């Protein structure tokens, strides 16, 4: 399985959900906290977190993916407001 394509599809699906189905986003996706993977404790925390959510069917996004999705969402909403004429000129 190509994990790069899978992560890209997950990110795209999450963005779609964030914009068009915001009430569903937290039911389908979780943004992982940042783990210190340089330490054994951090690696163990990440492993535990991922195992916990693997059983739920909720898609786990990295903190970086979460930031990107939120930035894209804010950009899309700003554009929507401009097109609708809701932003002061």
PDB file of N, CA and C in Angstrom:
ATOM      1  N   UNK A   1       0.846  -1.177   0.000  1.00  0.00           N
ATOM      2  CA  UNK A   1       0.000   0.000   0.000  1.00  0.00           C
ATOM      3  C   UNK A   1       0.892   1.241   0.000  1.00  0.00           C
ATOM      4  N   UNK A   2       0.543   2.200  -0.804  1.00  0.00           N
ATOM      5  CA  UNK A   2       1.308   3.442  -0.902  1.00  0.00           C
ATOM      6  C   UNK A   2       0.835   4.394   0.201  1.00  0.00           C
ATOM      7  N   UNK A   3       1.605   4.480   1.280  1.00  0.00           N
ATOM      8  CA  UNK A   3       1.178   5.296   2.424  1.00  0.00           C
ATOM      9  C   UNK A   3       1.136   6.776   2.087  1.00  0.00           C
ATOM     10  N   UNK A   4       1.977   7.220   1.153  1.00  0.00           N
ATOM     11  CA  UNK A   4       1.964   8.635   0.746  1.00  0.00           C
ATOM     12  C   UNK A   4       0.616   8.995   0.124  1.00  0.00           C
ATOM     13  N   UNK A   5       0.122   8.143  -0.771  1.00  0.00           N
ATOM     14  CA  UNK A   5      -1.177   8.393  -1.396  1.00  0.00           C
ATOM     15  C   UNK A   5      -2.295   8.294  -0.371  1.00  0.00           C
ATOM     16  N   UNK A   6      -2.196   7.327   0.520  1.00  0.00           N
ATOM     17  CA  UNK A   6      -3.221   7.158   1.549  1.00  0.00           C
ATOM     18  C   UNK A   6      -3.306   8.394   2.436  1.00  0.00           C
ATOM     19  N   UNK A   7      -2.161   8.922   2.883  1.00  0.00           N
ATOM     20  CA  UNK A   7      -2.168  10.118   3.735  1.00  0.00           C
ATOM     21  C   UNK A   7      -2.731  11.315   2.970  1.00  0.00           C
ATOM     22  N   UNK A   8      -2.389  11.418   1.682  1.00  0.00           N
ATOM     23  CA  UNK A   8      -2.919  12.519   0.871  1.00  0.00           C
ATOM     24  C   UNK A   8      -4.433  12.411   0.734  1.00  0.00           C
ATOM     25  N   UNK A   9      -4.926  11.208   0.526  1.00  0.00           N
ATOM     26  CA  UNK A   9      -6.376  11.006   0.438  1.00  0.00           C
ATOM     27  C   UNK A   9      -7.054  11.315   1.768  1.00  0.00           C
ATOM     28  N   UNK A  10      -6.443  10.890   2.866  1.00  0.00           N
ATOM     29  CA  UNK A  10      -6.994  11.192   4.192  1.00  0.00           C
ATOM     30  C   UNK A  10      -7.056  12.697   4.419  1.00  0.00           C
ATOM     31  N   UNK A  11      -5.992  13.400   4.032  1.00  0.00           N
ATOM     32  CA  UNK A  11      -5.957  14.856   4.211  1.00  0.00           C
ATOM     33  C   UNK A  11      -7.028  15.522   3.360  1.00  0.00           C
ATOM     34  N   UNK A  12      -7.158  15.090   2.111  1.00  0.00           N
ATOM     35  CA  UNK A  12      -8.184  15.652   1.232  1.00  0.00           C
ATOM     36  C   UNK A  12      -9.590  15.380   1.738  1.00  0.00           C
ATOM     37  N   UNK A  13      -9.816  14.174   2.213  1.00  0.00           N
ATOM     38  CA  UNK A  13     -11.123  13.815   2.761  1.00  0.00           C
ATOM     39  C   UNK A  13     -11.420  14.628   4.018  1.00  0.00           C
ATOM     40  N   UNK A  14     -10.410  14.811   4.853  1.00  0.00           N
ATOM     41  CA  UNK A  14     -10.588  15.599   6.080  1.00  0.00           C
ATOM     42  C   UNK A  14     -10.908  17.052   5.746  1.00  0.00           C
ATOM     43  N   UNK A  15     -10.226  17.608   4.755  1.00  0.00           N
ATOM     44  CA  UNK A  15     -10.498  18.990   4.351  1.00  0.00           C
ATOM     45  C   UNK A  15     -11.925  19.112   3.821  1.00  0.00           C
ATOM     46  N   UNK A  16     -12.320  18.187   2.972  1.00  0.00           N
ATOM     47  CA  UNK A  16     -13.685  18.172   2.444  1.00  0.00           C
ATOM     48  C   UNK A  16     -14.694  18.159   3.597  1.00  0.00           C
ATOM     49  N   UNK A  17     -14.454  17.287   4.561  1.00  0.00           N
ATOM     50  CA  UNK A  17     -15.349  17.171   5.711  1.00  0.00           C
ATOM     51  C   UNK A  17     -15.354  18.460   6.529  1.00  0.00           C
ATOM     52  N   UNK A  18     -14.191  19.035   6.755  1.00  0.00           N
ATOM     53  CA  UNK A  18     -14.071  20.271   7.559  1.00  0.00           C
ATOM     54  C   UNK A  18     -14.863  21.410   6.931  1.00  0.00           C
ATOM     55  N   UNK A  19     -14.844  21.487   5.594  1.00  0.00           N
ATOM     56  CA  UNK A  19     -15.532  22.575   4.893  1.00  0.00           C
ATOM     57  C   UNK A  19     -17.021  22.286   4.723  1.00  0.00           C
ATOM     58  N   UNK A  20     -17.351  21.086   4.269  1.00  0.00           N
ATOM     59  CA  UNK A  20     -18.730  20.798   3.875  1.00  0.00           C
ATOM     60  C   UNK A  20     -19.565  20.061   4.914  1.00  0.00           C
ATOM     61  N   UNK A  21     -18.898  19.422   5.873  1.00  0.00           N
ATOM     62  CA  UNK A  21     -19.608  18.692   6.920  1.00  0.00           C
ATOM     63  C   UNK A  21     -18.943  18.951   8.272  1.00  0.00           C
ATOM     64  N   UNK A  22     -18.837  20.203   8.687  1.00  0.00           N
ATOM     65  CA  UNK A  22     -18.072  20.509   9.902  1.00  0.00           C
ATOM     66  C   UNK A  22     -18.587  19.801  11.158  1.00  0.00           C
ATOM     67  N   UNK A  23     -19.874  19.509  11.207  1.00  0.00           N
ATOM     68  CA  UNK A  23     -20.427  18.830  12.380  1.00  0.00           C
ATOM     69  C   UNK A  23     -19.966  17.370  12.454  1.00  0.00           C
ATOM     70  N   UNK A  24     -19.499  16.823  11.348  1.00  0.00           N
ATOM     71  CA  UNK A  24     -19.028  15.438  11.294  1.00  0.00           C
ATOM     72  C   UNK A  24     -17.521  15.308  11.525  1.00  0.00           C
ATOM     73  N   UNK A  25     -16.796  16.405  11.408  1.00  0.00           N
ATOM     74  CA  UNK A  25     -15.332  16.332  11.429  1.00  0.00           C
ATOM     75  C   UNK A  25     -14.804  15.637  12.679  1.00  0.00           C
ATOM     76  N   UNK A  26     -15.242  16.045  13.843  1.00  0.00           N
ATOM     77  CA  UNK A  26     -14.703  15.460  15.082  1.00  0.00           C
ATOM     78  C   UNK A  26     -15.166  14.018  15.301  1.00  0.00           C
ATOM     79  N   UNK A  27     -16.182  13.591  14.577  1.00  0.00           N
ATOM     80  CA  UNK A  27     -16.632  12.205  14.672  1.00  0.00           C
ATOM     81  C   UNK A  27     -15.795  11.283  13.780  1.00  0.00           C
ATOM     82  N   UNK A  28     -15.192  11.852  12.740  1.00  0.00           N
ATOM     83  CA  UNK A  28     -14.469  11.044  11.752  1.00  0.00           C
ATOM     84  C   UNK A  28     -12.954  11.203  11.804  1.00  0.00           C
ATOM     85  N   UNK A  29     -12.477  12.302  12.406  1.00  0.00           N
ATOM     86  CA  UNK A  29     -11.044  12.600  12.400  1.00  0.00           C
ATOM     87  C   UNK A  29     -10.583  13.068  13.771  1.00  0.00           C
ATOM     88  N   UNK A  30      -9.333  12.772  14.072  1.00  0.00           N
ATOM     89  CA  UNK A  30      -8.691  13.279  15.286  1.00  0.00           C
ATOM     90  C   UNK A  30      -7.318  13.793  14.875  1.00  0.00           C
ATOM     91  N   UNK A  31      -6.962  14.944  15.398  1.00  0.00           N
ATOM     92  CA  UNK A  31      -5.632  15.491  15.141  1.00  0.00           C
ATOM     93  C   UNK A  31      -4.754  15.108  16.314  1.00  0.00           C
ATOM     94  N   UNK A  32      -3.729  14.353  16.012  1.00  0.00           N
ATOM     95  CA  UNK A  32      -2.827  13.855  17.056  1.00  0.00           C
ATOM     96  C   UNK A  32      -2.017  15.004  17.643  1.00  0.00           C
ATOM     97  N   UNK A  33      -1.750  14.938  18.921  1.00  0.00           N
ATOM     98  CA  UNK A  33      -0.836  15.925  19.500  1.00  0.00           C
ATOM     99  C   UNK A  33       0.571  15.654  18.971  1.00  0.00           C
ATOM    100  N   UNK A  34       1.451  16.600  19.174  1.00  0.00           N
ATOM    101  CA  UNK A  34       2.839  16.386  18.766  1.00  0.00           C
ATOM    102  C   UNK A  34       3.529  15.559  19.840  1.00  0.00           C
ATOM    103  N   UNK A  35       4.179  14.507  19.414  1.00  0.00           N
ATOM    104  CA  UNK A  35       4.907  13.623  20.322  1.00  0.00           C
ATOM    105  C   UNK A  35       6.402  13.858  20.143  1.00  0.00           C
ATOM    106  N   UNK A  36       7.140  13.759  21.231  1.00  0.00           N
ATOM    107  CA  UNK A  36       8.593  13.865  21.158  1.00  0.00           C
ATOM    108  C   UNK A  36       9.138  12.486  20.801  1.00  0.00           C
ATOM    109  N   UNK A  37       9.283  12.239  19.515  1.00  0.00           N
ATOM    110  CA  UNK A  37       9.706  10.919  19.045  1.00  0.00           C
ATOM    111  C   UNK A  37      11.195  10.670  19.258  1.00  0.00           C
ATOM    112  N   UNK A  38      11.895  11.630  19.837  1.00  0.00           N
ATOM    113  CA  UNK A  38      13.318  11.439  20.144  1.00  0.00           C
ATOM    114  C   UNK A  38      13.511  10.717  21.467  1.00  0.00           C
ATOM    115  N   UNK A  39      12.422  10.550  22.205  1.00  0.00           N
ATOM    116  CA  UNK A  39      12.524   9.864  23.496  1.00  0.00           C
ATOM    117  C   UNK A  39      11.714   8.575  23.460  1.00  0.00           C
ATOM    118  N   UNK A  40      12.095   7.643  24.297  1.00  0.00           N
ATOM    119  CA  UNK A  40      11.344   6.381  24.397  1.00  0.00           C
ATOM    120  C   UNK A  40       9.929   6.637  24.892  1.00  0.00           C
ATOM    121  N   UNK A  41       9.805   7.552  25.847  1.00  0.00           N
ATOM    122  CA  UNK A  41       8.476   7.872  26.390  1.00  0.00           C
ATOM    123  C   UNK A  41       7.581   8.468  25.310  1.00  0.00           C
ATOM    124  N   UNK A  42       8.127   9.368  24.506  1.00  0.00           N
ATOM    125  CA  UNK A  42       7.352   9.982  23.429  1.00  0.00           C
ATOM    126  C   UNK A  42       6.910   8.967  22.394  1.00  0.00           C
ATOM    127  N   UNK A  43       7.807   8.050  22.049  1.00  0.00           N
ATOM    128  CA  UNK A  43       7.463   6.994  21.092  1.00  0.00           C
ATOM    129  C   UNK A  43       6.372   6.091  21.649  1.00  0.00           C
ATOM    130  N   UNK A  44       6.454   5.799  22.932  1.00  0.00           N
ATOM    131  CA  UNK A  44       5.441   4.951  23.572  1.00  0.00           C
ATOM    132  C   UNK A  44       4.097   5.672  23.634  1.00  0.00           C
ATOM    133  N   UNK A  45       4.109   6.970  23.939  1.00  0.00           N
ATOM    134  CA  UNK A  45       2.868   7.750  23.967  1.00  0.00           C
ATOM    135  C   UNK A  45       2.208   7.748  22.590  1.00  0.00           C
ATOM    136  N   UNK A  46       3.009   7.939  21.556  1.00  0.00           N
ATOM    137  CA  UNK A  46       2.471   7.940  20.198  1.00  0.00           C
ATOM    138  C   UNK A  46       1.885   6.572  19.846  1.00  0.00           C
ATOM    139  N   UNK A  47       2.597   5.521  20.171  1.00  0.00           N
ATOM    140  CA  UNK A  47       2.132   4.158  19.891  1.00  0.00           C
ATOM    141  C   UNK A  47       0.801   3.889  20.580  1.00  0.00           C
ATOM    142  N   UNK A  48       0.706   4.259  21.853  1.00  0.00           N
ATOM    143  CA  UNK A  48      -0.527   4.064  22.616  1.00  0.00           C
ATOM    144  C   UNK A  48      -1.677   4.854  21.996  1.00  0.00           C
ATOM    145  N   UNK A  49      -1.413   6.103  21.641  1.00  0.00           N
ATOM    146  CA  UNK A  49      -2.422   6.965  21.022  1.00  0.00           C
ATOM    147  C   UNK A  49      -2.932   6.342  19.723  1.00  0.00           C
ATOM    148  N   UNK A  50      -2.009   5.928  18.858  1.00  0.00           N
ATOM    149  CA  UNK A  50      -2.396   5.356  17.566  1.00  0.00           C
ATOM    150  C   UNK A  50      -3.162   4.048  17.726  1.00  0.00           C
ATOM    151  N   UNK A  51      -2.744   3.220  18.667  1.00  0.00           N
ATOM    152  CA  UNK A  51      -3.455   1.961  18.918  1.00  0.00           C
ATOM    153  C   UNK A  51      -4.871   2.224  19.420  1.00  0.00           C
ATOM    154  N   UNK A  52      -5.009   3.208  20.285  1.00  0.00           N
ATOM    155  CA  UNK A  52      -6.322   3.552  20.832  1.00  0.00           C
ATOM    156  C   UNK A  52      -7.280   3.962  19.721  1.00  0.00           C
ATOM    157  N   UNK A  53      -6.828   4.814  18.810  1.00  0.00           N
ATOM    158  CA  UNK A  53      -7.713   5.296  17.757  1.00  0.00           C
ATOM    159  C   UNK A  53      -7.859   4.317  16.605  1.00  0.00           C
ATOM    160  N   UNK A  54      -6.931   3.386  16.444  1.00  0.00           N
ATOM    161  CA  UNK A  54      -7.052   2.372  15.388  1.00  0.00           C
ATOM    162  C   UNK A  54      -8.291   1.519  15.615  1.00  0.00           C
ATOM    163  N   UNK A  55      -8.650   1.318  16.861  1.00  0.00           N
ATOM    164  CA  UNK A  55      -9.821   0.497  17.200  1.00  0.00           C
ATOM    165  C   UNK A  55     -11.138   1.230  16.981  1.00  0.00           C
ATOM    166  N   UNK A  56     -11.100   2.548  16.907  1.00  0.00           N
ATOM    167  CA  UNK A  56     -12.332   3.326  16.814  1.00  0.00           C
ATOM    168  C   UNK A  56     -12.798   3.569  15.389  1.00  0.00           C
ATOM    169  N   UNK A  57     -11.892   3.423  14.420  1.00  0.00           N
ATOM    170  CA  UNK A  57     -12.245   3.738  13.039  1.00  0.00           C
ATOM    171  C   UNK A  57     -12.114   5.213  12.721  1.00  0.00           C
ATOM    172  N   UNK A  58     -11.684   6.006  13.690  1.00  0.00           N
ATOM    173  CA  UNK A  58     -11.463   7.434  13.476  1.00  0.00           C
ATOM    174  C   UNK A  58     -10.104   7.604  12.809  1.00  0.00           C
ATOM    175  N   UNK A  59     -10.055   8.423  11.766  1.00  0.00           N
ATOM    176  CA  UNK A  59      -8.807   8.662  11.048  1.00  0.00           C
ATOM    177  C   UNK A  59      -7.937   9.618  11.843  1.00  0.00           C
ATOM    178  N   UNK A  60      -6.701   9.218  12.079  1.00  0.00           N
ATOM    179  CA  UNK A  60      -5.751  10.046  12.824  1.00  0.00           C
ATOM    180  C   UNK A  60      -4.951  10.883  11.837  1.00  0.00           C
ATOM    181  N   UNK A  61      -4.946  12.187  12.073  1.00  0.00           N
ATOM    182  CA  UNK A  61      -4.143  13.118  11.287  1.00  0.00           C
ATOM    183  C   UNK A  61      -3.007  13.628  12.160  1.00  0.00           C
ATOM    184  N   UNK A  62      -1.862  13.879  11.554  1.00  0.00           N
ATOM    185  CA  UNK A  62      -0.752  14.429  12.327  1.00  0.00           C
ATOM    186  C   UNK A  62      -1.052  15.878  12.685  1.00  0.00           C
ATOM    187  N   UNK A  63      -0.317  16.401  13.643  1.00  0.00           N
ATOM    188  CA  UNK A  63      -0.479  17.801  14.035  1.00  0.00           C
ATOM    189  C   UNK A  63      -0.232  18.712  12.836  1.00  0.00           C
ATOM    190  N   UNK A  64       0.767  18.375  12.023  1.00  0.00           N
ATOM    191  CA  UNK A  64       1.075  19.170  10.826  1.00  0.00           C
ATOM    192  C   UNK A  64      -0.076  19.122   9.821  1.00  0.00           C
ATOM    193  N   UNK A  65      -0.651  17.956   9.609  1.00  0.00           N
ATOM    194  CA  UNK A  65      -1.804  17.839   8.709  1.00  0.00           C
ATOM    195  C   UNK A  65      -2.978  18.648   9.253  1.00  0.00           C
ATOM    196  N   UNK A  66      -3.164  18.618  10.557  1.00  0.00           N
ATOM    197  CA  UNK A  66      -4.226  19.403  11.180  1.00  0.00           C
ATOM    198  C   UNK A  66      -4.044  20.892  10.954  1.00  0.00           C
ATOM    199  N   UNK A  67      -2.797  21.364  11.078  1.00  0.00           N
ATOM    200  CA  UNK A  67      -2.510  22.786  10.820  1.00  0.00           C
ATOM    201  C   UNK A  67      -2.799  23.142   9.364  1.00  0.00           C
ATOM    202  N   UNK A  68      -2.395  22.280   8.445  1.00  0.00           N
ATOM    203  CA  UNK A  68      -2.636  22.536   7.015  1.00  0.00           C
ATOM    204  C   UNK A  68      -4.124  22.590   6.710  1.00  0.00           C
ATOM    205  N   UNK A  69      -4.871  21.639   7.252  1.00  0.00           N
ATOM    206  CA  UNK A  69      -6.316  21.606   7.010  1.00  0.00           C
ATOM    207  C   UNK A  69      -6.975  22.860   7.562  1.00  0.00           C
ATOM    208  N   UNK A  70      -6.581  23.272   8.750  1.00  0.00           N
ATOM    209  CA  UNK A  70      -7.172  24.480   9.341  1.00  0.00           C
ATOM    210  C   UNK A  70      -6.816  25.720   8.526  1.00  0.00           C
ATOM    211  N   UNK A  71      -5.580  25.802   8.049  1.00  0.00           N
ATOM    212  CA  UNK A  71      -5.170  26.933   7.213  1.00  0.00           C
ATOM    213  C   UNK A  71      -5.973  26.955   5.911  1.00  0.00           C
ATOM    214  N   UNK A  72      -6.123  25.809   5.270  1.00  0.00           N
ATOM    215  CA  UNK A  72      -6.897  25.735   4.031  1.00  0.00           C
ATOM    216  C   UNK A  72      -8.358  26.082   4.292  1.00  0.00           C
ATOM    217  N   UNK A  73      -8.892  25.621   5.427  1.00  0.00           N
ATOM    218  CA  UNK A  73     -10.274  25.925   5.791  1.00  0.00           C
ATOM    219  C   UNK A  73     -10.466  27.433   5.968  1.00  0.00           C
ATOM    220  N   UNK A  74      -9.561  28.056   6.729  1.00  0.00           N
ATOM    221  CA  UNK A  74      -9.658  29.504   6.947  1.00  0.00           C
ATOM    222  C   UNK A  74      -9.546  30.263   5.627  1.00  0.00           C
ATOM    223  N   UNK A  75      -8.672  29.811   4.737  1.00  0.00           N
ATOM    224  CA  UNK A  75      -8.526  30.442   3.423  1.00  0.00           C
ATOM    225  C   UNK A  75      -9.803  30.301   2.602  1.00  0.00           C
ATOM    226  N   UNK A  76     -10.385  29.115   2.615  1.00  0.00           N
ATOM    227  CA  UNK A  76     -11.619  28.880   1.869  1.00  0.00           C
ATOM    228  C   UNK A  76     -12.759  29.732   2.415  1.00  0.00           C
ATOM    229  N   UNK A  77     -12.849  29.848   3.727  1.00  0.00           N
ATOM    230  CA  UNK A  77     -13.917  30.648   4.324  1.00  0.00           C
ATOM    231  C   UNK A  77     -13.723  32.134   4.018  1.00  0.00           C
ATOM    232  N   UNK A  78     -12.488  32.601   4.022  1.00  0.00           N
ATOM    233  CA  UNK A  78     -12.221  34.004   3.692  1.00  0.00           C
ATOM    234  C   UNK A  78     -12.602  34.278   2.243  1.00  0.00           C
ATOM    235  N   UNK A  79     -12.281  33.358   1.349  1.00  0.00           N
ATOM    236  CA  UNK A  79     -12.629  33.512  -0.058  1.00  0.00           C
ATOM    237  C   UNK A  79     -14.139  33.506  -0.236  1.00  0.00           C
ATOM    238  N   UNK A  80     -14.816  32.624   0.459  1.00  0.00           N
ATOM    239  CA  UNK A  80     -16.273  32.548   0.384  1.00  0.00           C
ATOM    240  C   UNK A  80     -16.902  33.862   0.831  1.00  0.00           C
ATOM    241  N   UNK A  81     -16.374  34.455   1.906  1.00  0.00           N
ATOM    242  CA  UNK A  81     -16.890  35.736   2.390  1.00  0.00           C
ATOM    243  C   UNK A  81     -16.645  36.837   1.374  1.00  0.00           C
ATOM    244  N   UNK A  82     -15.499  36.831   0.718  1.00  0.00           N
ATOM    245  CA  UNK A  82     -15.193  37.847  -0.292  1.00  0.00           C
ATOM    246  C   UNK A  82     -16.138  37.727  -1.479  1.00  0.00           C
ATOM    247  N   UNK A  83     -16.339  36.511  -1.938  1.00  0.00           N
ATOM    248  CA  UNK A  83     -17.217  36.288  -3.084  1.00  0.00           C
ATOM    249  C   UNK A  83     -18.642  36.702  -2.746  1.00  0.00           C
ATOM    250  N   UNK A  84     -19.069  36.441  -1.532  1.00  0.00           N
ATOM    251  CA  UNK A  84     -20.427  36.783  -1.112  1.00  0.00           C
ATOM    252  C   UNK A  84     -20.562  38.269  -0.791  1.00  0.00           C
ATOM    253  N   UNK A  85     -19.463  39.011  -0.796  1.00  0.00           N
ATOM    254  CA  UNK A  85     -19.500  40.434  -0.504  1.00  0.00           C
ATOM    255  C   UNK A  85     -19.634  40.747   0.962  1.00  0.00           C
ATOM    256  N   UNK A  86     -19.250  39.808   1.824  1.00  0.00           N
ATOM    257  CA  UNK A  86     -19.403  39.997   3.256  1.00  0.00           C
ATOM    258  C   UNK A  86     -18.213  40.687   3.908  1.00  0.00           C
ATOM    259  N   UNK A  87     -17.132  40.864   3.175  1.00  0.00           N
ATOM    260  CA  UNK A  87     -15.943  41.496   3.735  1.00  0.00           C
ATOM    261  C   UNK A  87     -15.966  42.974   3.378  1.00  0.00           C
ATOM    262  N   UNK A  88     -15.704  43.818   4.367  1.00  0.00           N
ATOM    263  CA  UNK A  88     -15.655  45.255   4.103  1.00  0.00           C
ATOM    264  C   UNK A  88     -14.541  45.562   3.125  1.00  0.00           C
ATOM    265  N   UNK A  89     -14.831  46.497   2.238  1.00  0.00           N
ATOM    266  CA  UNK A  89     -13.807  46.863   1.255  1.00  0.00           C
ATOM    267  C   UNK A  89     -13.202  48.191   1.584  1.00  0.00           C
TER     268      UNK A  89
END
